[in-house]
C-alpha atoms as a PDB file:
ATOM      1  CA  ALA A   1     107.163  96.435  77.445  1.00  0.00           C
ATOM      2  CA  ALA A   2     105.806  99.886  78.039  1.00  0.00           C
ATOM      3  CA  TRP A   3     103.878 101.786  75.425  1.00  0.00           C
ATOM      4  CA  PHE A   4     105.149 105.158  74.195  1.00  0.00           C
ATOM      5  CA  GLY A   5     105.000 107.672  77.019  1.00  0.00           C
ATOM      6  CA  TRP A   6     104.220 105.056  79.683  1.00  0.00           C
ATOM      7  CA  PRO A   7     106.699 104.078  82.403  1.00  0.00           C
ATOM      8  CA  LYS A   8     108.376 100.669  82.224  1.00  0.00           C
ATOM      9  CA  ASN A   9     109.292  98.668  85.317  1.00  0.00           C
ATOM     10  CA  ASP A  10     109.851  94.936  84.854  1.00  0.00           C
ATOM     11  CA  GLU A  11     109.703  94.119  88.588  1.00  0.00           C
ATOM     12  CA  PHE A  12     106.321  95.840  88.940  1.00  0.00           C
ATOM     13  CA  GLU A  13     104.969  94.122  85.810  1.00  0.00           C
ATOM     14  CA  ALA A  14     106.005  90.696  87.141  1.00  0.00           C
ATOM     15  CA  LEU A  15     104.078  91.345  90.365  1.00  0.00           C
ATOM     16  CA  ARG A  16     101.082  92.693  88.432  1.00  0.00           C
ATOM     17  CA  LEU A  17     100.933  89.472  86.425  1.00  0.00           C
ATOM     18  CA  LYS A  18     100.849  87.456  89.684  1.00  0.00           C
ATOM     19  CA  TRP A  19      97.794  89.363  90.990  1.00  0.00           C
ATOM     20  CA  PRO A  20      95.069  87.110  89.463  1.00  0.00           C
ATOM     21  CA  ASP A  21      96.740  83.965  90.840  1.00  0.00           C
ATOM     22  CA  VAL A  22      96.927  85.093  94.477  1.00  0.00           C
ATOM     23  CA  GLU A  23      94.511  83.025  96.549  1.00  0.00           C
ATOM     24  CA  THR A  24      94.380  84.431 100.086  1.00  0.00           C
ATOM     25  CA  LEU A  25      93.728  87.905 101.423  1.00  0.00           C
ATOM     26  CA  GLU A  26      97.063  87.883 103.271  1.00  0.00           C
ATOM     27  CA  GLU A  27      98.955  87.031 100.066  1.00  0.00           C
ATOM     28  CA  ARG A  28      97.065  89.723  98.176  1.00  0.00           C
ATOM     29  CA  GLN A  29      97.875  92.308 100.862  1.00  0.00           C
ATOM     30  CA  ALA A  30     101.565  91.345 100.820  1.00  0.00           C
ATOM     31  CA  LEU A  31     101.648  91.575  97.029  1.00  0.00           C
ATOM     32  CA  ALA A  32      99.902  94.963  97.107  1.00  0.00           C
ATOM     33  CA  ARG A  33     102.448  96.261  99.633  1.00  0.00           C
ATOM     34  CA  LYS A  34     105.314  95.148  97.373  1.00  0.00           C
ATOM     35  CA  MET A  35     103.677  96.799  94.352  1.00  0.00           C
ATOM     36  CA  GLN A  36     103.094 100.035  96.264  1.00  0.00           C
ATOM     37  CA  ARG A  37     106.695 100.096  97.520  1.00  0.00           C
ATOM     38  CA  ILE A  38     108.063  99.596  94.004  1.00  0.00           C
ATOM     39  CA  TRP A  39     105.766 102.245  92.501  1.00  0.00           C
ATOM     40  CA  TRP A  40     106.610 104.703  95.286  1.00  0.00           C
ATOM     41  CA  GLU A  41     110.359 104.266  94.722  1.00  0.00           C
ATOM     42  CA  PHE A  42     110.075 104.113  90.926  1.00  0.00           C
ATOM     43  CA  VAL A  43     107.807 107.178  90.623  1.00  0.00           C
ATOM     44  CA  GLY A  44     105.869 105.927  87.613  1.00  0.00           C
ATOM     45  CA  ASP A  45     103.791 109.081  87.342  1.00  0.00           C
ATOM     46  CA  VAL A  46     103.487 112.487  88.950  1.00  0.00           C
ATOM     47  CA  ARG A  47     100.127 114.191  89.300  1.00  0.00           C
ATOM     48  CA  LEU A  48     100.581 117.867  88.541  1.00  0.00           C
ATOM     49  CA  GLY A  49      97.069 119.112  89.033  1.00  0.00           C
ATOM     50  CA  GLN A  50      93.434 118.365  89.370  1.00  0.00           C
ATOM     51  CA  ILE A  51      91.091 117.330  86.583  1.00  0.00           C
ATOM     52  CA  VAL A  52      87.433 118.254  86.555  1.00  0.00           C
ATOM     53  CA  SER A  53      85.131 116.591  84.062  1.00  0.00           C
ATOM     54  CA  PRO A  54      81.831 118.450  84.204  1.00  0.00           C
ATOM     55  CA  SER A  55      78.830 116.502  82.989  1.00  0.00           C
ATOM     56  CA  ALA A  56      75.108 116.996  82.653  1.00  0.00           C
ATOM     57  CA  HIS A  57      72.278 114.511  82.540  1.00  0.00           C
ATOM     58  CA  ARG A  58      68.548 114.479  81.997  1.00  0.00           C
ATOM     59  CA  LYS A  59      66.108 114.537  84.872  1.00  0.00           C
ATOM     60  CA  SER A  60      64.663 111.313  83.466  1.00  0.00           C
ATOM     61  CA  LEU A  61      67.786 109.354  84.494  1.00  0.00           C
ATOM     62  CA  THR A  62      67.833 107.743  87.918  1.00  0.00           C
ATOM     63  CA  GLY A  63      70.345 105.704  89.892  1.00  0.00           C
ATOM     64  CA  LEU A  64      73.326 107.902  89.077  1.00  0.00           C
ATOM     65  CA  VAL A  65      76.252 107.254  91.408  1.00  0.00           C
ATOM     66  CA  GLU A  66      77.774 110.399  92.948  1.00  0.00           C
ATOM     67  CA  MET A  67      81.503 110.268  92.231  1.00  0.00           C
ATOM     68  CA  PRO A  68      84.225 112.459  90.670  1.00  0.00           C
ATOM     69  CA  TYR A  69      83.784 110.852  87.250  1.00  0.00           C
ATOM     70  CA  VAL A  70      80.844 109.530  85.273  1.00  0.00           C
ATOM     71  CA  ALA A  71      79.943 105.958  86.211  1.00  0.00           C
ATOM     72  CA  TRP A  72      77.842 104.280  83.542  1.00  0.00           C
ATOM     73  CA  TRP A  73      76.474 101.525  85.756  1.00  0.00           C
ATOM     74  CA  ASN A  74      73.254 101.567  87.808  1.00  0.00           C
ATOM     75  CA  MET A  75      71.711 104.167  85.466  1.00  0.00           C
ATOM     76  CA  GLN A  76      68.071 103.792  84.410  1.00  0.00           C
ATOM     77  CA  LYS A  77      65.371 105.829  82.736  1.00  0.00           C
ATOM     78  CA  ALA A  78      62.818 107.031  85.260  1.00  0.00           C
ATOM     79  CA  SER A  79      59.357 105.606  84.745  1.00  0.00           C
ATOM     80  CA  GLY A  80      56.636 108.011  83.773  1.00  0.00           C
END
């Protein structure tokens, strides 16, 4: 069941629930192709723009990963 405002597609959900049980890479690729085909035909969401989440951090933080959103892993306080 979909939550309010979220798309509902029973066929896609059934495949999503199979994902953890897939054992081989070939099976996983086949399952992913099926899921992509369903989502493409179902049009579960439409991106209408671009989101920018500006952020700032202290110079004393190191290990920050450069990506479009803030990743909270690999971050450390610089020594000294």
